[in-house]
Protein backbone atom coordinates (compact mmCIF):
# COMPACT_ATOMS: atom_id res chain seq x y z
CA MET A 1 -9.22 -12.50 23.51
CA LYS A 2 -5.93 -13.49 24.47
CA GLU A 3 -5.05 -15.49 21.51
CA LEU A 4 -5.05 -12.45 19.35
CA ALA A 5 -1.89 -10.89 20.85
CA LYS A 6 0.24 -13.91 19.74
CA ILE A 7 -0.84 -14.12 16.14
CA LYS A 8 2.23 -13.62 13.85
CA LEU A 9 0.63 -14.69 10.63
CA VAL A 10 -3.15 -14.28 8.95
CA ILE A 11 -3.89 -16.68 6.17
CA THR A 12 -6.96 -15.29 4.37
CA ASP A 13 -9.54 -17.02 1.93
CA VAL A 14 -10.66 -14.93 -0.82
CA ASP A 15 -14.13 -15.70 -2.35
CA GLY A 16 -16.45 -14.91 0.56
CA VAL A 17 -13.95 -13.37 2.83
CA LEU A 18 -11.97 -10.53 0.72
CA THR A 19 -14.97 -10.67 -1.63
CA ASP A 20 -18.72 -11.14 -1.05
CA GLY A 21 -18.53 -14.48 -2.90
CA GLY A 22 -20.04 -13.17 -5.98
CA LEU A 23 -18.69 -14.30 -9.32
CA TYR A 24 -19.05 -12.08 -12.49
CA TYR A 25 -18.59 -13.97 -15.62
CA SER A 26 -18.73 -13.27 -19.40
CA ALA A 27 -18.11 -15.45 -22.39
CA GLU A 28 -14.42 -14.84 -21.66
CA GLY A 29 -14.56 -16.11 -18.02
CA GLU A 30 -14.35 -14.33 -14.80
CA VAL A 31 -14.19 -10.42 -15.58
CA LEU A 32 -14.71 -8.85 -12.15
CA LYS A 33 -14.01 -9.30 -8.47
CA LYS A 34 -15.12 -6.68 -5.88
CA PHE A 35 -12.61 -6.17 -3.09
CA HIS A 36 -13.42 -4.05 -0.19
CA VAL A 37 -10.71 -0.93 0.22
CA GLN A 38 -10.77 -1.27 4.11
CA ASP A 39 -9.52 -4.78 3.83
CA GLY A 40 -6.62 -3.77 1.73
CA LEU A 41 -5.57 -1.03 4.18
CA GLY A 42 -6.11 -3.53 6.98
CA ILE A 43 -3.62 -5.90 5.09
CA LYS A 44 -1.18 -3.19 4.40
CA MET A 45 -1.35 -2.06 8.17
CA LEU A 46 -0.51 -5.72 9.42
CA LEU A 47 2.28 -5.96 7.07
CA THR A 48 3.75 -2.79 8.04
CA THR A 49 3.57 -3.38 11.76
CA GLY A 50 5.25 -6.89 11.46
CA THR A 51 2.39 -9.29 11.31
CA LYS A 52 2.48 -11.52 8.29
CA VAL A 53 -0.38 -12.04 5.76
CA ALA A 54 -0.91 -14.96 3.46
CA VAL A 55 -3.72 -15.57 0.65
CA LEU A 56 -5.08 -19.28 0.18
CA SER A 57 -7.66 -19.61 -2.44
CA GLY A 58 -9.33 -22.59 -4.09
CA GLY A 59 -9.28 -20.30 -7.27
CA ASP A 60 -6.93 -18.74 -9.06
CA SER A 61 -7.39 -15.76 -11.52
CA PRO A 62 -5.37 -12.97 -13.10
CA LEU A 63 -7.77 -10.58 -11.09
CA LEU A 64 -6.63 -11.95 -7.76
CA ARG A 65 -3.04 -12.16 -8.67
CA LYS A 66 -3.33 -8.55 -9.38
CA ARG A 67 -4.72 -7.83 -6.03
CA ILE A 68 -2.13 -9.81 -4.35
CA ASP A 69 0.51 -7.96 -6.26
CA VAL A 70 -1.01 -4.28 -5.76
CA LEU A 71 -1.18 -5.30 -1.81
CA LYS A 72 2.28 -6.81 -2.10
CA ILE A 73 1.29 -9.94 0.00
CA PRO A 74 4.43 -11.98 0.19
CA TYR A 75 2.89 -15.40 0.87
CA PHE A 76 0.14 -16.98 -1.27
CA LEU A 77 -1.10 -20.21 -2.57
CA LEU A 78 -4.04 -20.23 -5.33
CA GLY A 79 -6.09 -23.14 -6.79
CA LYS A 80 -5.77 -25.13 -3.65
CA MET A 81 -8.97 -26.98 -2.64
CA GLU A 82 -7.01 -29.01 -0.12
CA LYS A 83 -6.24 -26.37 2.36
CA ARG A 84 -4.86 -28.32 5.34
CA THR A 85 -1.61 -29.00 3.57
CA ALA A 86 -1.58 -25.51 2.08
CA CYS A 87 -1.83 -24.01 5.45
CA LEU A 88 1.25 -25.94 6.56
CA GLN A 89 3.22 -24.81 3.52
CA LEU A 90 2.32 -21.28 4.39
CA ILE A 91 3.06 -21.31 7.86
CA GLU A 92 6.37 -23.02 7.20
CA GLN A 93 7.14 -20.42 4.55
CA ALA A 94 6.46 -17.53 7.16
CA GLY A 95 8.44 -19.28 9.70
CA VAL A 96 5.76 -19.18 12.44
CA THR A 97 3.70 -22.11 14.23
CA PRO A 98 0.48 -23.06 13.69
CA GLU A 99 -0.59 -21.65 17.17
CA GLU A 100 0.71 -18.35 15.93
CA THR A 101 -1.53 -18.34 12.85
CA ALA A 102 -4.92 -17.04 12.51
CA TYR A 103 -7.22 -18.39 9.41
CA ILE A 104 -10.09 -16.39 8.39
CA GLY A 105 -12.71 -18.36 6.06
CA ASP A 106 -16.35 -18.55 5.30
CA ASP A 107 -17.30 -22.15 4.15
CA THR A 108 -16.75 -26.03 4.14
CA LEU A 109 -13.46 -25.90 2.34
CA ASP A 110 -11.84 -23.71 5.09
CA LEU A 111 -12.62 -26.14 7.75
CA PRO A 112 -9.34 -28.24 7.51
CA ALA A 113 -7.58 -24.82 7.84
CA PHE A 114 -9.67 -24.20 10.97
CA GLU A 115 -8.14 -27.38 12.52
CA ILE A 116 -4.42 -26.48 11.54
CA CYS A 117 -4.43 -22.78 12.90
CA GLY A 118 -4.39 -21.59 16.44
CA LEU A 119 -7.36 -19.22 15.63
CA ALA A 120 -10.08 -20.05 13.43
CA VAL A 121 -11.99 -16.96 12.39
CA ALA A 122 -15.39 -16.95 10.54
CA VAL A 123 -17.21 -14.08 8.79
CA ALA A 124 -20.47 -13.04 9.88
CA ASP A 125 -22.30 -14.34 6.91
CA ALA A 126 -20.73 -17.67 6.97
CA PRO A 127 -23.25 -20.72 7.43
CA ASP A 128 -23.85 -21.47 11.08
CA TYR A 129 -22.21 -25.00 10.65
CA ILE A 130 -18.90 -23.06 9.90
CA LYS A 131 -19.43 -20.38 12.77
CA LYS A 132 -19.73 -23.46 15.03
CA GLN A 133 -16.15 -24.41 14.41
CA ALA A 134 -14.75 -21.08 14.61
CA ASP A 135 -12.98 -19.69 17.66
CA LEU A 136 -14.13 -15.95 16.60
CA ILE A 137 -17.01 -14.82 14.65
CA LEU A 138 -16.68 -11.28 13.10
CA LYS A 139 -19.59 -8.82 13.00
CA LYS A 140 -18.65 -7.80 9.29
CA ALA A 141 -19.69 -10.16 6.36
CA GLY A 142 -17.31 -11.27 3.85
CA GLY A 143 -16.48 -8.42 1.10
CA GLN A 144 -17.79 -5.85 3.79
CA GLY A 145 -14.53 -5.15 5.70
CA ALA A 146 -14.49 -8.60 7.54
CA PHE A 147 -10.97 -8.67 7.22
CA ARG A 148 -10.26 -5.03 8.31
CA GLU A 149 -12.05 -5.93 11.42
CA LEU A 150 -9.88 -8.69 12.20
CA SER A 151 -6.84 -6.55 11.28
CA ASP A 152 -7.96 -3.81 13.91
CA MET A 153 -8.60 -6.57 16.58
CA LEU A 154 -5.12 -7.89 16.05
CA LEU A 155 -3.47 -4.24 16.13
CA LEU A 156 -5.53 -3.47 19.24
CA SER A 157 -4.33 -6.74 21.17
CA GLN A 158 -0.63 -6.16 20.03
CA GLY A 159 -0.87 -2.56 21.37
CA LYS A 160 -0.49 -1.05 18.00
CA GLU A 161 -4.25 0.49 17.47
CA ASP A 162 -2.59 3.86 17.06
CA VAL A 163 -1.88 2.81 13.41
CA TYR A 164 -5.51 3.04 12.63
CA SER A 165 -6.96 5.21 15.39
CA THR A 166 -4.65 8.28 15.21
CA ALA A 167 -3.32 10.58 12.52
CA ASP A 168 0.13 10.70 14.00
CA GLY A 169 0.06 6.69 14.26
CA PHE A 170 -1.01 6.41 10.70
CA MET A 171 1.60 8.79 9.62
CA LYS A 172 4.39 7.08 11.18
CA VAL A 173 3.78 3.91 8.75
CA VAL A 174 2.20 5.47 5.74
CA ASP A 175 5.67 5.75 3.94
CA GLN A 176 6.20 2.10 4.37
CA MET A 177 2.72 1.30 2.91
CA ALA A 178 3.45 2.88 -0.39
CA GLN A 179 6.71 1.02 -0.79
């Protein structure tokens, strides 16, 4: 897919993309979020090789903020249900164009973001009416490595697949990932 090669920013939803969409509550509120480790490495590989990553979520929690901090994701907007304007803000912050931006989502509140971004990506378990509006439908479900699937596709399209496919390629960037 030729559109992948021009992507300079990936904006990702959280619940249903980086997680399986499950919410774990106690009397104190949300207590757990399960993130897939391969998604985290995919984010780090993109950041290390020059593709920017942003998080855009309708929710906001200390758990999510901790994950963003651990992965050192530089751009994020949380608690934003209106994702059209939020995408435009993140695109401006990252210094790219909408055509150079991919958005990965799973549900209705992601549709305005699909319209703004040059590449709309849906996870495998998104409802059919969301998939119909996506340019690319992943094979993996949200919380099951879907972001990593997209990350690998982007790196391959940009000629950087050695970062994930060879030991030597990975070793060239591993020190940068730890910083």
